[in-house]
Amino acid sequence: MTSVVGSVYTRWGREDCPSNGTELVYTGKIHCYGNWHQEYYGRLAANANKHAAGSEYVCVDHMAQYRKGGGSNANGKLFFKVEAKCGSLPCPPYYDTAPMSCVVCFK
């Protein structure tokens, strides 16, 4: 039996992710520009600052569902919301400590 501890984020509730050509993730937005088409929108997430492991930003679907499985907690990779910080970002349009939105767009 294989055990996987860490993060597994599957888009659209599928094990595989179809390729639709060029794909972009826009942060701070929930709509795509121009002739780009929306796959989904959600919240930006990443590893916590205090964790030693490396991390990258992930756009987590606003309709994300958990994956049914074991009842144990291996405390693997955890996703935390990414918050806006005024001063680093212009406020407005952002708001201090508000969760960052994101959208995944394709052509």
C-alpha atoms as a PDB file:
ATOM      1  CA  MET A   1       0.000   0.000   0.000  1.00  0.00           C
ATOM      2  CA  THR A   2       1.330   3.458  -0.895  1.00  0.00           C
ATOM      3  CA  SER A   3       0.982   6.296   1.569  1.00  0.00           C
ATOM      4  CA  VAL A   4       1.068   9.892   0.426  1.00  0.00           C
ATOM      5  CA  VAL A   5       1.628  12.600   2.996  1.00  0.00           C
ATOM      6  CA  GLY A   6       1.678  16.149   1.753  1.00  0.00           C
ATOM      7  CA  SER A   7      -0.532  18.226  -0.463  1.00  0.00           C
ATOM      8  CA  VAL A   8      -2.722  16.989  -3.247  1.00  0.00           C
ATOM      9  CA  TYR A   9      -4.898  19.650  -4.808  1.00  0.00           C
ATOM     10  CA  THR A  10      -7.013  18.380  -7.667  1.00  0.00           C
ATOM     11  CA  ARG A  11      -8.834  20.871  -9.835  1.00  0.00           C
ATOM     12  CA  TRP A  12     -12.486  20.295 -10.674  1.00  0.00           C
ATOM     13  CA  GLY A  13     -12.642  17.173  -8.483  1.00  0.00           C
ATOM     14  CA  ARG A  14     -10.678  15.064 -11.000  1.00  0.00           C
ATOM     15  CA  GLU A  15      -7.515  13.040 -10.622  1.00  0.00           C
ATOM     16  CA  ASP A  16      -6.137  14.456 -13.871  1.00  0.00           C
ATOM     17  CA  CYS A  17      -6.198  18.026 -15.112  1.00  0.00           C
ATOM     18  CA  PRO A  18      -7.032  18.525 -18.779  1.00  0.00           C
ATOM     19  CA  SER A  19      -4.818  20.878 -20.728  1.00  0.00           C
ATOM     20  CA  ASN A  20      -6.680  23.630 -22.522  1.00  0.00           C
ATOM     21  CA  GLY A  21      -3.628  25.349 -23.968  1.00  0.00           C
ATOM     22  CA  THR A  22      -2.217  28.473 -22.350  1.00  0.00           C
ATOM     23  CA  GLU A  23      -3.345  29.022 -18.774  1.00  0.00           C
ATOM     24  CA  LEU A  24      -2.831  32.033 -16.496  1.00  0.00           C
ATOM     25  CA  VAL A  25      -3.635  32.707 -12.847  1.00  0.00           C
ATOM     26  CA  TYR A  26      -4.561  36.280 -11.985  1.00  0.00           C
ATOM     27  CA  THR A  27      -4.415  37.299  -8.345  1.00  0.00           C
ATOM     28  CA  GLY A  28      -6.720  39.902  -6.863  1.00  0.00           C
ATOM     29  CA  LYS A  29      -9.306  39.222  -9.590  1.00  0.00           C
ATOM     30  CA  ILE A  30     -12.325  36.959 -10.106  1.00  0.00           C
ATOM     31  CA  HIS A  31     -12.843  37.612 -13.827  1.00  0.00           C
ATOM     32  CA  CYS A  32     -10.637  37.043 -16.864  1.00  0.00           C
ATOM     33  CA  TYR A  33      -9.469  39.766 -19.236  1.00  0.00           C
ATOM     34  CA  GLY A  34     -10.487  40.158 -22.881  1.00  0.00           C
ATOM     35  CA  ASN A  35     -10.826  36.928 -24.835  1.00  0.00           C
ATOM     36  CA  TRP A  36      -9.560  34.705 -21.999  1.00  0.00           C
ATOM     37  CA  HIS A  37     -12.020  32.137 -20.590  1.00  0.00           C
ATOM     38  CA  GLN A  38     -12.519  31.327 -16.921  1.00  0.00           C
ATOM     39  CA  GLU A  39     -11.852  27.812 -15.595  1.00  0.00           C
ATOM     40  CA  TYR A  40     -12.648  28.771 -12.005  1.00  0.00           C
ATOM     41  CA  TYR A  41     -12.088  31.447  -9.367  1.00  0.00           C
ATOM     42  CA  GLY A  42     -11.313  31.186  -5.704  1.00  0.00           C
ATOM     43  CA  ARG A  43      -8.871  32.167  -2.968  1.00  0.00           C
ATOM     44  CA  LEU A  44      -5.102  32.306  -3.103  1.00  0.00           C
ATOM     45  CA  ALA A  45      -3.414  29.899  -0.680  1.00  0.00           C
ATOM     46  CA  ALA A  46       0.141  28.894   0.259  1.00  0.00           C
ATOM     47  CA  ASN A  47       2.224  27.355   3.006  1.00  0.00           C
ATOM     48  CA  ALA A  48       2.478  29.265   6.308  1.00  0.00           C
ATOM     49  CA  ASN A  49       5.487  31.596   6.692  1.00  0.00           C
ATOM     50  CA  LYS A  50       6.653  29.705   9.768  1.00  0.00           C
ATOM     51  CA  HIS A  51       6.887  26.340   7.960  1.00  0.00           C
ATOM     52  CA  ALA A  52      10.336  25.282   6.798  1.00  0.00           C
ATOM     53  CA  ALA A  53       9.138  23.554   3.617  1.00  0.00           C
ATOM     54  CA  GLY A  54       9.060  25.420   0.339  1.00  0.00           C
ATOM     55  CA  SER A  55       5.754  26.554  -1.052  1.00  0.00           C
ATOM     56  CA  GLU A  56       4.084  28.036  -4.067  1.00  0.00           C
ATOM     57  CA  TYR A  57       0.855  29.939  -4.441  1.00  0.00           C
ATOM     58  CA  VAL A  58      -2.224  27.944  -5.442  1.00  0.00           C
ATOM     59  CA  CYS A  59      -5.596  29.240  -6.582  1.00  0.00           C
ATOM     60  CA  VAL A  60      -8.050  27.085  -4.612  1.00  0.00           C
ATOM     61  CA  ASP A  61     -11.461  26.780  -6.259  1.00  0.00           C
ATOM     62  CA  HIS A  62     -14.225  28.570  -4.337  1.00  0.00           C
ATOM     63  CA  MET A  63     -16.261  25.345  -4.678  1.00  0.00           C
ATOM     64  CA  ALA A  64     -13.434  23.034  -3.561  1.00  0.00           C
ATOM     65  CA  GLN A  65     -14.507  19.761  -1.994  1.00  0.00           C
ATOM     66  CA  TYR A  66     -12.546  17.561   0.352  1.00  0.00           C
ATOM     67  CA  ARG A  67     -11.398  14.153  -0.743  1.00  0.00           C
ATOM     68  CA  LYS A  68     -12.883  11.330   1.258  1.00  0.00           C
ATOM     69  CA  GLY A  69     -10.275   9.101   2.802  1.00  0.00           C
ATOM     70  CA  GLY A  70      -8.748   8.036   6.082  1.00  0.00           C
ATOM     71  CA  GLY A  71      -9.596   9.708   9.337  1.00  0.00           C
ATOM     72  CA  SER A  72      -6.018  10.287  10.451  1.00  0.00           C
ATOM     73  CA  ASN A  73      -4.195  13.613  10.469  1.00  0.00           C
ATOM     74  CA  ALA A  74      -0.644  13.273   9.168  1.00  0.00           C
ATOM     75  CA  ASN A  75      -0.261  17.081   9.332  1.00  0.00           C
ATOM     76  CA  GLY A  76       1.223  17.082   5.850  1.00  0.00           C
ATOM     77  CA  LYS A  77       1.176  20.109   3.603  1.00  0.00           C
ATOM     78  CA  LEU A  78      -1.379  22.632   4.821  1.00  0.00           C
ATOM     79  CA  PHE A  79      -2.911  25.453   2.795  1.00  0.00           C
ATOM     80  CA  PHE A  80      -3.357  28.845   4.452  1.00  0.00           C
ATOM     81  CA  LYS A  81      -5.131  31.863   3.019  1.00  0.00           C
ATOM     82  CA  VAL A  82      -2.997  34.599   1.521  1.00  0.00           C
ATOM     83  CA  GLU A  83      -3.951  38.007   2.891  1.00  0.00           C
ATOM     84  CA  ALA A  84      -3.453  41.457   1.404  1.00  0.00           C
ATOM     85  CA  LYS A  85      -1.207  43.841   3.340  1.00  0.00           C
ATOM     86  CA  CYS A  86      -1.673  47.567   2.853  1.00  0.00           C
ATOM     87  CA  GLY A  87       1.643  49.261   2.179  1.00  0.00           C
ATOM     88  CA  SER A  88       2.888  46.303   0.158  1.00  0.00           C
ATOM     89  CA  LEU A  89      -0.273  46.590  -1.954  1.00  0.00           C
ATOM     90  CA  PRO A  90      -2.286  49.721  -2.726  1.00  0.00           C
ATOM     91  CA  CYS A  91      -5.345  50.081  -0.498  1.00  0.00           C
ATOM     92  CA  PRO A  92      -7.864  50.534  -2.015  1.00  0.00           C
ATOM     93  CA  PRO A  93      -8.517  48.533  -4.177  1.00  0.00           C
ATOM     94  CA  TYR A  94      -7.183  45.950  -1.688  1.00  0.00           C
ATOM     95  CA  TYR A  95      -8.155  45.803   1.984  1.00  0.00           C
ATOM     96  CA  ASP A  96      -5.735  45.107   4.826  1.00  0.00           C
ATOM     97  CA  THR A  97      -5.741  41.413   5.922  1.00  0.00           C
ATOM     98  CA  ALA A  98      -8.523  40.525   3.431  1.00  0.00           C
ATOM     99  CA  PRO A  99      -8.153  37.134   1.686  1.00  0.00           C
ATOM    100  CA  MET A 100      -6.732  37.441  -1.838  1.00  0.00           C
ATOM    101  CA  SER A 101      -8.985  36.295  -4.653  1.00  0.00           C
ATOM    102  CA  CYS A 102      -7.717  34.627  -7.823  1.00  0.00           C
ATOM    103  CA  VAL A 103      -8.994  33.375 -11.155  1.00  0.00           C
ATOM    104  CA  VAL A 104      -7.629  30.684 -13.485  1.00  0.00           C
ATOM    105  CA  CYS A 105      -8.044  31.658 -17.146  1.00  0.00           C
ATOM    106  CA  PHE A 106      -7.278  29.871 -20.422  1.00  0.00           C
ATOM    107  CA  LYS A 107      -7.156  30.623 -24.139  1.00  0.00           C
END
